[in-house]
Amino acid sequence: MKQTREGPYTAPEREEDAKRTNKKKATTGEKTCRNETPEMQRKLRESRNKEWNSWKKYQAVRLITAEEAQAYCDQGYKAIPARWVSLDKNGKLCATSHEVQEKLKSRLAIDEQRLGRRIIPS
């Protein structure tokens, strides 16, 4: 394991490992709404609504007004940019067989690219 200023990480030791790692990332099945058909966009919205309703059901989120948001910013709080991550859990199976239905799952995640710094999961 190598140590960097940003924290520990594991780097592929051999070229074959690097290729396998890159290949896995390429086949994660992440869906981007704007690149999909209208039917798939509808299904993605349903998946996102299901996740959002779970957040509301367990009181993990509360919608605030613009005035409340401004008051928090005045107190020194910072907004954390978020994005929807939608995956097709059966993406690999769907690629090999047309009989398999997609299994869409959406999560609300921190958008590290817009945050401006790297976040290391704990």
PDB file of N, CA and C in Angstrom:
ATOM      1  N   MET A   1       0.840  -1.168   0.000  1.00  0.00           N
ATOM      2  CA  MET A   1       0.000   0.000   0.000  1.00  0.00           C
ATOM      3  C   MET A   1       0.889   1.236   0.000  1.00  0.00           C
ATOM      4  N   LYS A   2       0.559   2.190  -0.838  1.00  0.00           N
ATOM      5  CA  LYS A   2       1.324   3.429  -0.929  1.00  0.00           C
ATOM      6  C   LYS A   2       0.652   4.506  -0.084  1.00  0.00           C
ATOM      7  N   GLN A   3       1.448   5.415   0.431  1.00  0.00           N
ATOM      8  CA  GLN A   3       0.936   6.517   1.235  1.00  0.00           C
ATOM      9  C   GLN A   3       1.116   7.818   0.454  1.00  0.00           C
ATOM     10  N   THR A   4       0.066   8.612   0.375  1.00  0.00           N
ATOM     11  CA  THR A   4       0.138   9.921  -0.271  1.00  0.00           C
ATOM     12  C   THR A   4      -0.353  10.968   0.714  1.00  0.00           C
ATOM     13  N   ARG A   5      -0.261  12.219   0.328  1.00  0.00           N
ATOM     14  CA  ARG A   5      -0.773  13.281   1.193  1.00  0.00           C
ATOM     15  C   ARG A   5      -2.275  13.151   1.378  1.00  0.00           C
ATOM     16  N   GLU A   6      -2.952  12.576   0.398  1.00  0.00           N
ATOM     17  CA  GLU A   6      -4.402  12.459   0.464  1.00  0.00           C
ATOM     18  C   GLU A   6      -4.839  11.214   1.221  1.00  0.00           C
ATOM     19  N   GLY A   7      -3.919  10.307   1.507  1.00  0.00           N
ATOM     20  CA  GLY A   7      -4.279   9.111   2.257  1.00  0.00           C
ATOM     21  C   GLY A   7      -3.786   7.858   1.567  1.00  0.00           C
ATOM     22  N   PRO A   8      -4.027   6.719   2.177  1.00  0.00           N
ATOM     23  CA  PRO A   8      -3.561   5.454   1.610  1.00  0.00           C
ATOM     24  C   PRO A   8      -4.433   5.016   0.432  1.00  0.00           C
ATOM     25  N   TYR A   9      -3.820   4.355  -0.498  1.00  0.00           N
ATOM     26  CA  TYR A   9      -4.564   3.747  -1.592  1.00  0.00           C
ATOM     27  C   TYR A   9      -3.780   2.537  -2.085  1.00  0.00           C
ATOM     28  N   THR A  10      -4.466   1.667  -2.771  1.00  0.00           N
ATOM     29  CA  THR A  10      -3.829   0.487  -3.324  1.00  0.00           C
ATOM     30  C   THR A  10      -3.710   0.670  -4.821  1.00  0.00           C
ATOM     31  N   ALA A  11      -2.517   0.551  -5.342  1.00  0.00           N
ATOM     32  CA  ALA A  11      -2.289   0.686  -6.782  1.00  0.00           C
ATOM     33  C   ALA A  11      -2.095  -0.703  -7.379  1.00  0.00           C
ATOM     34  N   PRO A  12      -2.549  -0.911  -8.615  1.00  0.00           N
ATOM     35  CA  PRO A  12      -2.314  -2.204  -9.262  1.00  0.00           C
ATOM     36  C   PRO A  12      -0.816  -2.466  -9.388  1.00  0.00           C
ATOM     37  N   GLU A  13      -0.399  -3.662  -9.015  1.00  0.00           N
ATOM     38  CA  GLU A  13       1.021  -3.986  -9.016  1.00  0.00           C
ATOM     39  C   GLU A  13       1.523  -4.372 -10.411  1.00  0.00           C
ATOM     40  N   ARG A  14       0.651  -4.998 -11.191  1.00  0.00           N
ATOM     41  CA  ARG A  14       1.064  -5.449 -12.511  1.00  0.00           C
ATOM     42  C   ARG A  14       0.188  -4.824 -13.577  1.00  0.00           C
ATOM     43  N   GLU A  15       0.666  -4.876 -14.803  1.00  0.00           N
ATOM     44  CA  GLU A  15      -0.084  -4.300 -15.918  1.00  0.00           C
ATOM     45  C   GLU A  15      -1.424  -5.010 -16.115  1.00  0.00           C
ATOM     46  N   GLU A  16      -1.444  -6.355 -15.904  1.00  0.00           N
ATOM     47  CA  GLU A  16      -2.693  -7.106 -16.060  1.00  0.00           C
ATOM     48  C   GLU A  16      -3.731  -6.647 -15.039  1.00  0.00           C
ATOM     49  N   ASP A  17      -3.277  -6.357 -13.810  1.00  0.00           N
ATOM     50  CA  ASP A  17      -4.198  -5.880 -12.781  1.00  0.00           C
ATOM     51  C   ASP A  17      -4.773  -4.527 -13.154  1.00  0.00           C
ATOM     52  N   ALA A  18      -3.946  -3.667 -13.716  1.00  0.00           N
ATOM     53  CA  ALA A  18      -4.410  -2.340 -14.130  1.00  0.00           C
ATOM     54  C   ALA A  18      -5.467  -2.472 -15.219  1.00  0.00           C
ATOM     55  N   LYS A  19      -5.253  -3.360 -16.176  1.00  0.00           N
ATOM     56  CA  LYS A  19      -6.228  -3.551 -17.249  1.00  0.00           C
ATOM     57  C   LYS A  19      -7.538  -4.077 -16.688  1.00  0.00           C
ATOM     58  N   ARG A  20      -7.457  -5.039 -15.766  1.00  0.00           N
ATOM     59  CA  ARG A  20      -8.655  -5.608 -15.176  1.00  0.00           C
ATOM     60  C   ARG A  20      -9.420  -4.543 -14.388  1.00  0.00           C
ATOM     61  N   THR A  21      -8.712  -3.699 -13.649  1.00  0.00           N
ATOM     62  CA  THR A  21      -9.341  -2.637 -12.875  1.00  0.00           C
ATOM     63  C   THR A  21     -10.052  -1.661 -13.804  1.00  0.00           C
ATOM     64  N   ASN A  22      -9.393  -1.235 -14.875  1.00  0.00           N
ATOM     65  CA  ASN A  22     -10.005  -0.297 -15.821  1.00  0.00           C
ATOM     66  C   ASN A  22     -11.197  -0.922 -16.511  1.00  0.00           C
ATOM     67  N   LYS A  23     -11.114  -2.200 -16.819  1.00  0.00           N
ATOM     68  CA  LYS A  23     -12.214  -2.875 -17.487  1.00  0.00           C
ATOM     69  C   LYS A  23     -13.429  -2.921 -16.574  1.00  0.00           C
ATOM     70  N   LYS A  24     -13.211  -3.183 -15.296  1.00  0.00           N
ATOM     71  CA  LYS A  24     -14.330  -3.243 -14.371  1.00  0.00           C
ATOM     72  C   LYS A  24     -15.013  -1.891 -14.257  1.00  0.00           C
ATOM     73  N   LYS A  25     -14.251  -0.822 -14.222  1.00  0.00           N
ATOM     74  CA  LYS A  25     -14.835   0.503 -14.130  1.00  0.00           C
ATOM     75  C   LYS A  25     -15.660   0.818 -15.368  1.00  0.00           C
ATOM     76  N   ALA A  26     -15.249   0.330 -16.500  1.00  0.00           N
ATOM     77  CA  ALA A  26     -15.954   0.627 -17.746  1.00  0.00           C
ATOM     78  C   ALA A  26     -17.287  -0.100 -17.826  1.00  0.00           C
ATOM     79  N   THR A  27     -17.477  -1.167 -17.055  1.00  0.00           N
ATOM     80  CA  THR A  27     -18.699  -1.957 -17.146  1.00  0.00           C
ATOM     81  C   THR A  27     -19.550  -1.851 -15.893  1.00  0.00           C
ATOM     82  N   THR A  28     -19.466  -0.746 -15.170  1.00  0.00           N
ATOM     83  CA  THR A  28     -20.252  -0.610 -13.946  1.00  0.00           C
ATOM     84  C   THR A  28     -21.735  -0.484 -14.233  1.00  0.00           C
ATOM     85  N   GLY A  29     -22.100  -0.048 -15.418  1.00  0.00           N
ATOM     86  CA  GLY A  29     -23.503   0.067 -15.773  1.00  0.00           C
ATOM     87  C   GLY A  29     -24.138   1.361 -15.323  1.00  0.00           C
ATOM     88  N   GLU A  30     -23.333   2.383 -15.009  1.00  0.00           N
ATOM     89  CA  GLU A  30     -23.912   3.659 -14.582  1.00  0.00           C
ATOM     90  C   GLU A  30     -24.697   4.262 -15.736  1.00  0.00           C
ATOM     91  N   LYS A  31     -25.886   4.743 -15.409  1.00  0.00           N
ATOM     92  CA  LYS A  31     -26.779   5.327 -16.405  1.00  0.00           C
ATOM     93  C   LYS A  31     -26.838   6.836 -16.204  1.00  0.00           C
ATOM     94  N   THR A  32     -26.717   7.570 -17.287  1.00  0.00           N
ATOM     95  CA  THR A  32     -26.864   9.013 -17.262  1.00  0.00           C
ATOM     96  C   THR A  32     -28.159   9.344 -17.978  1.00  0.00           C
ATOM     97  N   CYS A  33     -29.044  10.024 -17.306  1.00  0.00           N
ATOM     98  CA  CYS A  33     -30.396  10.263 -17.817  1.00  0.00           C
ATOM     99  C   CYS A  33     -30.395  10.927 -19.190  1.00  0.00           C
ATOM    100  N   ARG A  34     -29.534  11.904 -19.398  1.00  0.00           N
ATOM    101  CA  ARG A  34     -29.564  12.650 -20.658  1.00  0.00           C
ATOM    102  C   ARG A  34     -29.087  11.821 -21.855  1.00  0.00           C
ATOM    103  N   ASN A  35     -28.408  10.696 -21.611  1.00  0.00           N
ATOM    104  CA  ASN A  35     -27.910   9.863 -22.703  1.00  0.00           C
ATOM    105  C   ASN A  35     -28.814   8.671 -23.004  1.00  0.00           C
ATOM    106  N   GLU A  36     -29.960   8.604 -22.350  1.00  0.00           N
ATOM    107  CA  GLU A  36     -30.819   7.432 -22.477  1.00  0.00           C
ATOM    108  C   GLU A  36     -32.076   7.739 -23.291  1.00  0.00           C
ATOM    109  N   THR A  37     -32.771   6.681 -23.660  1.00  0.00           N
ATOM    110  CA  THR A  37     -34.030   6.810 -24.389  1.00  0.00           C
ATOM    111  C   THR A  37     -35.099   7.370 -23.451  1.00  0.00           C
ATOM    112  N   PRO A  38     -36.186   7.925 -23.994  1.00  0.00           N
ATOM    113  CA  PRO A  38     -37.264   8.437 -23.132  1.00  0.00           C
ATOM    114  C   PRO A  38     -37.822   7.372 -22.182  1.00  0.00           C
ATOM    115  N   GLU A  39     -37.932   6.139 -22.640  1.00  0.00           N
ATOM    116  CA  GLU A  39     -38.433   5.057 -21.774  1.00  0.00           C
ATOM    117  C   GLU A  39     -37.478   4.798 -20.610  1.00  0.00           C
ATOM    118  N   MET A  40     -36.173   4.767 -20.886  1.00  0.00           N
ATOM    119  CA  MET A  40     -35.192   4.549 -19.824  1.00  0.00           C
ATOM    120  C   MET A  40     -35.137   5.757 -18.885  1.00  0.00           C
ATOM    121  N   GLN A  41     -35.308   6.958 -19.419  1.00  0.00           N
ATOM    122  CA  GLN A  41     -35.350   8.155 -18.574  1.00  0.00           C
ATOM    123  C   GLN A  41     -36.506   8.070 -17.586  1.00  0.00           C
ATOM    124  N   ARG A  42     -37.650   7.576 -18.050  1.00  0.00           N
ATOM    125  CA  ARG A  42     -38.809   7.412 -17.169  1.00  0.00           C
ATOM    126  C   ARG A  42     -38.493   6.420 -16.057  1.00  0.00           C
ATOM    127  N   LYS A  43     -37.858   5.305 -16.418  1.00  0.00           N
ATOM    128  CA  LYS A  43     -37.497   4.297 -15.420  1.00  0.00           C
ATOM    129  C   LYS A  43     -36.474   4.839 -14.421  1.00  0.00           C
ATOM    130  N   LEU A  44     -35.531   5.641 -14.902  1.00  0.00           N
ATOM    131  CA  LEU A  44     -34.539   6.241 -14.005  1.00  0.00           C
ATOM    132  C   LEU A  44     -35.203   7.217 -13.041  1.00  0.00           C
ATOM    133  N   ARG A  45     -36.169   7.991 -13.539  1.00  0.00           N
ATOM    134  CA  ARG A  45     -36.882   8.915 -12.652  1.00  0.00           C
ATOM    135  C   ARG A  45     -37.638   8.142 -11.572  1.00  0.00           C
ATOM    136  N   GLU A  46     -38.240   7.013 -11.943  1.00  0.00           N
ATOM    137  CA  GLU A  46     -38.937   6.184 -10.964  1.00  0.00           C
ATOM    138  C   GLU A  46     -37.961   5.661  -9.905  1.00  0.00           C
ATOM    139  N   SER A  47     -36.790   5.235 -10.338  1.00  0.00           N
ATOM    140  CA  SER A  47     -35.770   4.740  -9.413  1.00  0.00           C
ATOM    141  C   SER A  47     -35.314   5.843  -8.468  1.00  0.00           C
ATOM    142  N   ARG A  48     -35.124   7.039  -9.001  1.00  0.00           N
ATOM    143  CA  ARG A  48     -34.693   8.175  -8.174  1.00  0.00           C
ATOM    144  C   ARG A  48     -35.795   8.585  -7.199  1.00  0.00           C
ATOM    145  N   ASN A  49     -37.050   8.558  -7.665  1.00  0.00           N
ATOM    146  CA  ASN A  49     -38.160   8.892  -6.773  1.00  0.00           C
ATOM    147  C   ASN A  49     -38.259   7.885  -5.627  1.00  0.00           C
ATOM    148  N   LYS A  50     -38.036   6.626  -5.930  1.00  0.00           N
ATOM    149  CA  LYS A  50     -38.070   5.596  -4.892  1.00  0.00           C
ATOM    150  C   LYS A  50     -36.999   5.880  -3.832  1.00  0.00           C
ATOM    151  N   GLU A  51     -35.797   6.237  -4.258  1.00  0.00           N
ATOM    152  CA  GLU A  51     -34.712   6.543  -3.319  1.00  0.00           C
ATOM    153  C   GLU A  51     -35.036   7.813  -2.532  1.00  0.00           C
ATOM    154  N   TRP A  52     -35.545   8.842  -3.193  1.00  0.00           N
ATOM    155  CA  TRP A  52     -35.873  10.096  -2.510  1.00  0.00           C
ATOM    156  C   TRP A  52     -36.960   9.863  -1.461  1.00  0.00           C
ATOM    157  N   ASN A  53     -37.963   9.046  -1.793  1.00  0.00           N
ATOM    158  CA  ASN A  53     -39.026   8.738  -0.835  1.00  0.00           C
ATOM    159  C   ASN A  53     -38.485   7.979   0.371  1.00  0.00           C
ATOM    160  N   SER A  54     -37.467   7.160   0.164  1.00  0.00           N
ATOM    161  CA  SER A  54     -36.834   6.478   1.301  1.00  0.00           C
ATOM    162  C   SER A  54     -36.143   7.484   2.208  1.00  0.00           C
ATOM    163  N   TRP A  55     -35.481   8.478   1.629  1.00  0.00           N
ATOM    164  CA  TRP A  55     -34.839   9.520   2.427  1.00  0.00           C
ATOM    165  C   TRP A  55     -35.882  10.244   3.265  1.00  0.00           C
ATOM    166  N   LYS A  56     -37.026  10.564   2.642  1.00  0.00           N
ATOM    167  CA  LYS A  56     -38.076  11.276   3.369  1.00  0.00           C
ATOM    168  C   LYS A  56     -38.722  10.380   4.425  1.00  0.00           C
ATOM    169  N   LYS A  57     -38.916   9.112   4.094  1.00  0.00           N
ATOM    170  CA  LYS A  57     -39.562   8.172   5.023  1.00  0.00           C
ATOM    171  C   LYS A  57     -38.770   8.064   6.329  1.00  0.00           C
ATOM    172  N   TYR A  58     -37.447   7.998   6.232  1.00  0.00           N
ATOM    173  CA  TYR A  58     -36.604   7.851   7.421  1.00  0.00           C
ATOM    174  C   TYR A  58     -36.129   9.201   7.964  1.00  0.00           C
ATOM    175  N   GLN A  59     -36.733  10.275   7.487  1.00  0.00           N
ATOM    176  CA  GLN A  59     -36.446  11.639   7.940  1.00  0.00           C
ATOM    177  C   GLN A  59     -34.947  11.957   7.876  1.00  0.00           C
ATOM    178  N   ALA A  60     -34.310  11.517   6.798  1.00  0.00           N
ATOM    179  CA  ALA A  60     -32.884  11.773   6.586  1.00  0.00           C
ATOM    180  C   ALA A  60     -32.657  13.080   5.858  1.00  0.00           C
ATOM    181  N   VAL A  61     -33.738  13.716   5.410  1.00  0.00           N
ATOM    182  CA  VAL A  61     -33.619  14.952   4.647  1.00  0.00           C
ATOM    183  C   VAL A  61     -34.827  15.835   4.960  1.00  0.00           C
ATOM    184  N   ARG A  62     -34.600  17.128   4.865  1.00  0.00           N
ATOM    185  CA  ARG A  62     -35.683  18.081   5.045  1.00  0.00           C
ATOM    186  C   ARG A  62     -35.482  19.190   4.017  1.00  0.00           C
ATOM    187  N   LEU A  63     -36.511  19.473   3.252  1.00  0.00           N
ATOM    188  CA  LEU A  63     -36.427  20.548   2.272  1.00  0.00           C
ATOM    189  C   LEU A  63     -36.462  21.884   3.004  1.00  0.00           C
ATOM    190  N   ILE A  64     -35.604  22.793   2.580  1.00  0.00           N
ATOM    191  CA  ILE A  64     -35.562  24.111   3.201  1.00  0.00           C
ATOM    192  C   ILE A  64     -35.820  25.176   2.145  1.00  0.00           C
ATOM    193  N   THR A  65     -36.232  26.335   2.609  1.00  0.00           N
ATOM    194  CA  THR A  65     -36.501  27.449   1.703  1.00  0.00           C
ATOM    195  C   THR A  65     -35.184  28.145   1.362  1.00  0.00           C
ATOM    196  N   ALA A  66     -35.249  29.036   0.392  1.00  0.00           N
ATOM    197  CA  ALA A  66     -34.064  29.799  -0.001  1.00  0.00           C
ATOM    198  C   ALA A  66     -33.589  30.685   1.149  1.00  0.00           C
ATOM    199  N   GLU A  67     -34.530  31.206   1.918  1.00  0.00           N
ATOM    200  CA  GLU A  67     -34.163  32.051   3.058  1.00  0.00           C
ATOM    201  C   GLU A  67     -33.421  31.240   4.126  1.00  0.00           C
ATOM    202  N   GLU A  68     -33.895  30.024   4.392  1.00  0.00           N
ATOM    203  CA  GLU A  68     -33.215  29.160   5.359  1.00  0.00           C
ATOM    204  C   GLU A  68     -31.812  28.797   4.868  1.00  0.00           C
ATOM    205  N   ALA A  69     -31.706  28.515   3.585  1.00  0.00           N
ATOM    206  CA  ALA A  69     -30.392  28.185   3.014  1.00  0.00           C
ATOM    207  C   ALA A  69     -29.436  29.358   3.162  1.00  0.00           C
ATOM    208  N   GLN A  70     -29.920  30.559   2.906  1.00  0.00           N
ATOM    209  CA  GLN A  70     -29.079  31.746   3.041  1.00  0.00           C
ATOM    210  C   GLN A  70     -28.658  31.955   4.494  1.00  0.00           C
ATOM    211  N   ALA A  71     -29.560  31.684   5.429  1.00  0.00           N
ATOM    212  CA  ALA A  71     -29.232  31.826   6.849  1.00  0.00           C
ATOM    213  C   ALA A  71     -28.130  30.843   7.247  1.00  0.00           C
ATOM    214  N   TYR A  72     -28.204  29.613   6.732  1.00  0.00           N
ATOM    215  CA  TYR A  72     -27.148  28.633   7.015  1.00  0.00           C
ATOM    216  C   TYR A  72     -25.811  29.093   6.429  1.00  0.00           C
ATOM    217  N   CYS A  73     -25.845  29.614   5.212  1.00  0.00           N
ATOM    218  CA  CYS A  73     -24.612  30.105   4.575  1.00  0.00           C
ATOM    219  C   CYS A  73     -24.019  31.262   5.365  1.00  0.00           C
ATOM    220  N   ASP A  74     -24.875  32.133   5.891  1.00  0.00           N
ATOM    221  CA  ASP A  74     -24.403  33.262   6.698  1.00  0.00           C
ATOM    222  C   ASP A  74     -23.741  32.786   7.993  1.00  0.00           C
ATOM    223  N   GLN A  75     -24.154  31.620   8.488  1.00  0.00           N
ATOM    224  CA  GLN A  75     -23.575  31.057   9.710  1.00  0.00           C
ATOM    225  C   GLN A  75     -22.266  30.322   9.436  1.00  0.00           C
ATOM    226  N   GLY A  76     -21.882  30.221   8.168  1.00  0.00           N
ATOM    227  CA  GLY A  76     -20.623  29.573   7.827  1.00  0.00           C
ATOM    228  C   GLY A  76     -20.753  28.174   7.259  1.00  0.00           C
ATOM    229  N   TYR A  77     -21.967  27.660   7.140  1.00  0.00           N
ATOM    230  CA  TYR A  77     -22.162  26.347   6.535  1.00  0.00           C
ATOM    231  C   TYR A  77     -21.928  26.440   5.034  1.00  0.00           C
ATOM    232  N   LYS A  78     -21.478  25.347   4.449  1.00  0.00           N
ATOM    233  CA  LYS A  78     -21.262  25.311   3.006  1.00  0.00           C
ATOM    234  C   LYS A  78     -22.155  24.244   2.386  1.00  0.00           C
ATOM    235  N   ALA A  79     -22.637  24.547   1.206  1.00  0.00           N
ATOM    236  CA  ALA A  79     -23.457  23.585   0.467  1.00  0.00           C
ATOM    237  C   ALA A  79     -22.551  22.497  -0.094  1.00  0.00           C
ATOM    238  N   ILE A  80     -23.004  21.269  -0.006  1.00  0.00           N
ATOM    239  CA  ILE A  80     -22.253  20.144  -0.560  1.00  0.00           C
ATOM    240  C   ILE A  80     -22.955  19.712  -1.839  1.00  0.00           C
ATOM    241  N   PRO A  81     -22.288  19.828  -2.978  1.00  0.00           N
ATOM    242  CA  PRO A  81     -22.931  19.437  -4.239  1.00  0.00           C
ATOM    243  C   PRO A  81     -23.189  17.928  -4.274  1.00  0.00           C
ATOM    244  N   ALA A  82     -24.340  17.575  -4.808  1.00  0.00           N
ATOM    245  CA  ALA A  82     -24.719  16.161  -4.887  1.00  0.00           C
ATOM    246  C   ALA A  82     -25.121  15.828  -6.319  1.00  0.00           C
ATOM    247  N   ARG A  83     -25.131  14.544  -6.607  1.00  0.00           N
ATOM    248  CA  ARG A  83     -25.571  14.097  -7.927  1.00  0.00           C
ATOM    249  C   ARG A  83     -26.230  12.734  -7.776  1.00  0.00           C
ATOM    250  N   TRP A  84     -27.045  12.396  -8.736  1.00  0.00           N
ATOM    251  CA  TRP A  84     -27.670  11.086  -8.745  1.00  0.00           C
ATOM    252  C   TRP A  84     -26.743  10.092  -9.427  1.00  0.00           C
ATOM    253  N   VAL A  85     -26.539   8.954  -8.793  1.00  0.00           N
ATOM    254  CA  VAL A  85     -25.805   7.852  -9.393  1.00  0.00           C
ATOM    255  C   VAL A  85     -26.820   6.739  -9.613  1.00  0.00           C
ATOM    256  N   SER A  86     -27.072   6.429 -10.861  1.00  0.00           N
ATOM    257  CA  SER A  86     -28.040   5.392 -11.214  1.00  0.00           C
ATOM    258  C   SER A  86     -27.308   4.256 -11.886  1.00  0.00           C
ATOM    259  N   LEU A  87     -27.542   3.053 -11.396  1.00  0.00           N
ATOM    260  CA  LEU A  87     -26.875   1.869 -11.923  1.00  0.00           C
ATOM    261  C   LEU A  87     -27.889   0.851 -12.403  1.00  0.00           C
ATOM    262  N   ASP A  88     -27.482   0.091 -13.376  1.00  0.00           N
ATOM    263  CA  ASP A  88     -28.240  -1.082 -13.790  1.00  0.00           C
ATOM    264  C   ASP A  88     -27.527  -2.278 -13.185  1.00  0.00           C
ATOM    265  N   LYS A  89     -28.116  -2.839 -12.120  1.00  0.00           N
ATOM    266  CA  LYS A  89     -27.486  -3.945 -11.408  1.00  0.00           C
ATOM    267  C   LYS A  89     -27.330  -5.182 -12.293  1.00  0.00           C
ATOM    268  N   ASN A  90     -28.173  -5.306 -13.307  1.00  0.00           N
ATOM    269  CA  ASN A  90     -28.090  -6.432 -14.237  1.00  0.00           C
ATOM    270  C   ASN A  90     -27.423  -6.025 -15.547  1.00  0.00           C
ATOM    271  N   GLY A  91     -26.626  -4.970 -15.538  1.00  0.00           N
ATOM    272  CA  GLY A  91     -26.028  -4.447 -16.761  1.00  0.00           C
ATOM    273  C   GLY A  91     -25.202  -5.459 -17.512  1.00  0.00           C
ATOM    274  N   LYS A  92     -24.393  -6.226 -16.798  1.00  0.00           N
ATOM    275  CA  LYS A  92     -23.552  -7.229 -17.457  1.00  0.00           C
ATOM    276  C   LYS A  92     -24.397  -8.346 -18.051  1.00  0.00           C
ATOM    277  N   LEU A  93     -25.450  -8.748 -17.318  1.00  0.00           N
ATOM    278  CA  LEU A  93     -26.317  -9.816 -17.820  1.00  0.00           C
ATOM    279  C   LEU A  93     -27.127  -9.350 -19.027  1.00  0.00           C
ATOM    280  N   CYS A  94     -27.586  -8.099 -18.990  1.00  0.00           N
ATOM    281  CA  CYS A  94     -28.362  -7.557 -20.113  1.00  0.00           C
ATOM    282  C   CYS A  94     -27.526  -7.462 -21.377  1.00  0.00           C
ATOM    283  N   ALA A  95     -26.217  -7.242 -21.206  1.00  0.00           N
ATOM    284  CA  ALA A  95     -25.339  -7.126 -22.370  1.00  0.00           C
ATOM    285  C   ALA A  95     -25.179  -8.467 -23.076  1.00  0.00           C
ATOM    286  N   THR A  96     -25.285  -9.566 -22.330  1.00  0.00           N
ATOM    287  CA  THR A  96     -25.089 -10.886 -22.930  1.00  0.00           C
ATOM    288  C   THR A  96     -26.403 -11.566 -23.298  1.00  0.00           C
ATOM    289  N   SER A  97     -27.500 -11.187 -22.640  1.00  0.00           N
ATOM    290  CA  SER A  97     -28.782 -11.832 -22.904  1.00  0.00           C
ATOM    291  C   SER A  97     -29.886 -10.781 -22.956  1.00  0.00           C
ATOM    292  N   HIS A  98     -30.746 -10.885 -23.947  1.00  0.00           N
ATOM    293  CA  HIS A  98     -31.842  -9.924 -24.081  1.00  0.00           C
ATOM    294  C   HIS A  98     -33.040 -10.322 -23.230  1.00  0.00           C
ATOM    295  N   GLU A  99     -32.990 -11.500 -22.600  1.00  0.00           N
ATOM    296  CA  GLU A  99     -34.100 -11.968 -21.787  1.00  0.00           C
ATOM    297  C   GLU A  99     -34.071 -11.389 -20.377  1.00  0.00           C
ATOM    298  N   VAL A 100     -32.951 -10.816 -19.972  1.00  0.00           N
ATOM    299  CA  VAL A 100     -32.798 -10.298 -18.614  1.00  0.00           C
ATOM    300  C   VAL A 100     -33.309  -8.862 -18.553  1.00  0.00           C
ATOM    301  N   GLN A 101     -34.165  -8.573 -17.578  1.00  0.00           N
ATOM    302  CA  GLN A 101     -34.678  -7.229 -17.379  1.00  0.00           C
ATOM    303  C   GLN A 101     -33.659  -6.396 -16.618  1.00  0.00           C
ATOM    304  N   GLU A 102     -33.630  -5.097 -16.892  1.00  0.00           N
ATOM    305  CA  GLU A 102     -32.726  -4.236 -16.138  1.00  0.00           C
ATOM    306  C   GLU A 102     -33.241  -4.107 -14.704  1.00  0.00           C
ATOM    307  N   LYS A 103     -32.298  -3.920 -13.793  1.00  0.00           N
ATOM    308  CA  LYS A 103     -32.614  -3.715 -12.378  1.00  0.00           C
ATOM    309  C   LYS A 103     -31.945  -2.397 -11.980  1.00  0.00           C
ATOM    310  N   LEU A 104     -32.729  -1.335 -11.991  1.00  0.00           N
ATOM    311  CA  LEU A 104     -32.174   0.001 -11.771  1.00  0.00           C
ATOM    312  C   LEU A 104     -32.150   0.334 -10.289  1.00  0.00           C
ATOM    313  N   LYS A 105     -31.052   0.952  -9.866  1.00  0.00           N
ATOM    314  CA  LYS A 105     -30.867   1.375  -8.480  1.00  0.00           C
ATOM    315  C   LYS A 105     -30.245   2.759  -8.513  1.00  0.00           C
ATOM    316  N   SER A 106     -30.809   3.701  -7.777  1.00  0.00           N
ATOM    317  CA  SER A 106     -30.290   5.066  -7.742  1.00  0.00           C
ATOM    318  C   SER A 106     -29.879   5.425  -6.326  1.00  0.00           C
ATOM    319  N   ARG A 107     -28.850   6.228  -6.234  1.00  0.00           N
ATOM    320  CA  ARG A 107     -28.360   6.744  -4.965  1.00  0.00           C
ATOM    321  C   ARG A 107     -28.008   8.213  -5.130  1.00  0.00           C
ATOM    322  N   LEU A 108     -28.205   8.964  -4.072  1.00  0.00           N
ATOM    323  CA  LEU A 108     -27.794  10.359  -4.044  1.00  0.00           C
ATOM    324  C   LEU A 108     -26.408  10.393  -3.424  1.00  0.00           C
ATOM    325  N   ALA A 109     -25.431  10.932  -4.151  1.00  0.00           N
ATOM    326  CA  ALA A 109     -24.038  10.889  -3.702  1.00  0.00           C
ATOM    327  C   ALA A 109     -23.407  12.268  -3.793  1.00  0.00           C
ATOM    328  N   ILE A 110     -22.338  12.461  -3.037  1.00  0.00           N
ATOM    329  CA  ILE A 110     -21.579  13.705  -3.103  1.00  0.00           C
ATOM    330  C   ILE A 110     -20.896  13.783  -4.460  1.00  0.00           C
ATOM    331  N   ASP A 111     -20.990  14.937  -5.111  1.00  0.00           N
ATOM    332  CA  ASP A 111     -20.341  15.144  -6.404  1.00  0.00           C
ATOM    333  C   ASP A 111     -18.931  15.659  -6.148  1.00  0.00           C
ATOM    334  N   GLU A 112     -17.979  14.744  -6.115  1.00  0.00           N
ATOM    335  CA  GLU A 112     -16.599  15.084  -5.769  1.00  0.00           C
ATOM    336  C   GLU A 112     -15.968  16.042  -6.772  1.00  0.00           C
ATOM    337  N   GLN A 113     -16.340  15.957  -8.030  1.00  0.00           N
ATOM    338  CA  GLN A 113     -15.741  16.822  -9.044  1.00  0.00           C
ATOM    339  C   GLN A 113     -16.126  18.279  -8.822  1.00  0.00           C
ATOM    340  N   ARG A 114     -17.368  18.528  -8.451  1.00  0.00           N
ATOM    341  CA  ARG A 114     -17.800  19.904  -8.214  1.00  0.00           C
ATOM    342  C   ARG A 114     -17.432  20.394  -6.818  1.00  0.00           C
ATOM    343  N   LEU A 115     -17.098  19.467  -5.914  1.00  0.00           N
ATOM    344  CA  LEU A 115     -16.731  19.851  -4.554  1.00  0.00           C
ATOM    345  C   LEU A 115     -15.383  20.557  -4.526  1.00  0.00           C
ATOM    346  N   GLY A 116     -14.493  20.170  -5.441  1.00  0.00           N
ATOM    347  CA  GLY A 116     -13.229  20.873  -5.557  1.00  0.00           C
ATOM    348  C   GLY A 116     -12.088  20.217  -4.798  1.00  0.00           C
ATOM    349  N   ARG A 117     -12.353  19.140  -4.100  1.00  0.00           N
ATOM    350  CA  ARG A 117     -11.276  18.416  -3.440  1.00  0.00           C
ATOM    351  C   ARG A 117     -11.641  16.945  -3.404  1.00  0.00           C
ATOM    352  N   ARG A 118     -10.635  16.152  -3.208  1.00  0.00           N
ATOM    353  CA  ARG A 118     -10.849  14.714  -3.222  1.00  0.00           C
ATOM    354  C   ARG A 118     -11.367  14.249  -1.877  1.00  0.00           C
ATOM    355  N   ILE A 119     -12.356  13.396  -1.891  1.00  0.00           N
ATOM    356  CA  ILE A 119     -12.884  12.823  -0.663  1.00  0.00           C
ATOM    357  C   ILE A 119     -12.458  11.371  -0.602  1.00  0.00           C
ATOM    358  N   ILE A 120     -11.934  10.975   0.534  1.00  0.00           N
ATOM    359  CA  ILE A 120     -11.497   9.598   0.716  1.00  0.00           C
ATOM    360  C   ILE A 120     -12.520   8.910   1.603  1.00  0.00           C
ATOM    361  N   PRO A 121     -13.193   7.880   1.100  1.00  0.00           N
ATOM    362  CA  PRO A 121     -14.186   7.205   1.938  1.00  0.00           C
ATOM    363  C   PRO A 121     -13.531   6.533   3.131  1.00  0.00           C
ATOM    364  N   SER A 122     -14.219   6.523   4.239  1.00  0.00           N
ATOM    365  CA  SER A 122     -13.670   5.880   5.433  1.00  0.00           C
ATOM    366  C   SER A 122     -14.201   4.488   5.612  1.00  0.00           C
TER     367      SER A 122
END
